[in-house]
Amino acid sequence: MGLGKHAVVDPMVRVHGISNPRVADNSVMPNITTGHTLAPTLVIAEQAASMISAGS
């Protein structure tokens, strides 16, 4: 996730270079976590759902 040339998705979880797809799973985390990924993945999904429903 990010704005750089190596980022796959932007902070709004939109895939760079493609018009509509979004990715909202733990693969968008910019750093690998050493703990469980369930809670951060749920937060990413909830935030993405909020952004999508708000029309962002």
Protein backbone atom coordinates (compact mmCIF):
# COMPACT_ATOMS: atom_id res chain seq x y z
CA MET A 1 0.00 0.00 0.00
CA GLY A 2 1.31 3.39 -0.86
CA LEU A 3 1.93 5.98 -3.51
CA GLY A 4 5.33 4.80 -4.74
CA LYS A 5 6.06 2.97 -7.97
CA HIS A 6 6.35 -0.38 -6.16
CA ALA A 7 3.00 -0.09 -4.37
CA VAL A 8 0.19 -2.22 -5.76
CA VAL A 9 -2.67 -0.35 -4.09
CA ASP A 10 -3.13 3.24 -2.95
CA PRO A 11 -4.26 4.24 0.59
CA MET A 12 -7.89 3.91 -0.61
CA VAL A 13 -7.16 0.23 -1.50
CA ARG A 14 -7.62 0.93 -5.24
CA VAL A 15 -5.37 -1.12 -7.50
CA HIS A 16 -2.92 1.10 -9.42
CA GLY A 17 -3.43 1.08 -13.19
CA ILE A 18 -6.89 -0.52 -13.15
CA SER A 19 -10.12 1.45 -12.88
CA ASN A 20 -12.41 -0.35 -10.40
CA PRO A 21 -10.83 -3.26 -8.45
CA ARG A 22 -9.92 -2.87 -4.81
CA VAL A 23 -7.93 -5.20 -2.59
CA ALA A 24 -8.80 -5.36 1.11
CA ASP A 25 -6.84 -8.16 2.71
CA ASN A 26 -3.58 -8.57 4.59
CA SER A 27 -1.54 -8.43 1.38
CA VAL A 28 -1.89 -4.62 1.38
CA MET A 29 0.08 -4.26 4.62
CA PRO A 30 3.26 -2.32 3.84
CA ASN A 31 5.29 -4.22 6.46
CA ILE A 32 5.20 -7.89 7.39
CA THR A 33 3.82 -8.39 10.88
CA THR A 34 5.27 -10.87 13.35
CA GLY A 35 1.94 -11.50 15.04
CA HIS A 36 -1.41 -12.83 14.00
CA THR A 37 -2.96 -11.12 10.99
CA LEU A 38 -6.66 -11.63 11.76
CA ALA A 39 -7.30 -8.38 13.66
CA PRO A 40 -5.35 -6.11 11.26
CA THR A 41 -7.07 -7.78 8.28
CA LEU A 42 -10.49 -7.15 9.81
CA VAL A 43 -9.60 -3.48 10.36
CA ILE A 44 -8.40 -3.15 6.76
CA ALA A 45 -11.64 -4.75 5.50
CA GLU A 46 -13.84 -2.55 7.71
CA GLN A 47 -12.03 0.61 6.63
CA ALA A 48 -12.23 -0.41 2.97
CA ALA A 49 -15.96 -1.12 3.32
CA SER A 50 -16.46 2.33 4.89
CA MET A 51 -14.51 4.03 2.08
CA ILE A 52 -16.41 2.13 -0.61
CA SER A 53 -19.82 2.85 0.91
CA ALA A 54 -18.89 6.54 1.28
CA GLY A 55 -18.15 6.65 -2.43
CA SER A 56 -14.40 7.23 -2.21
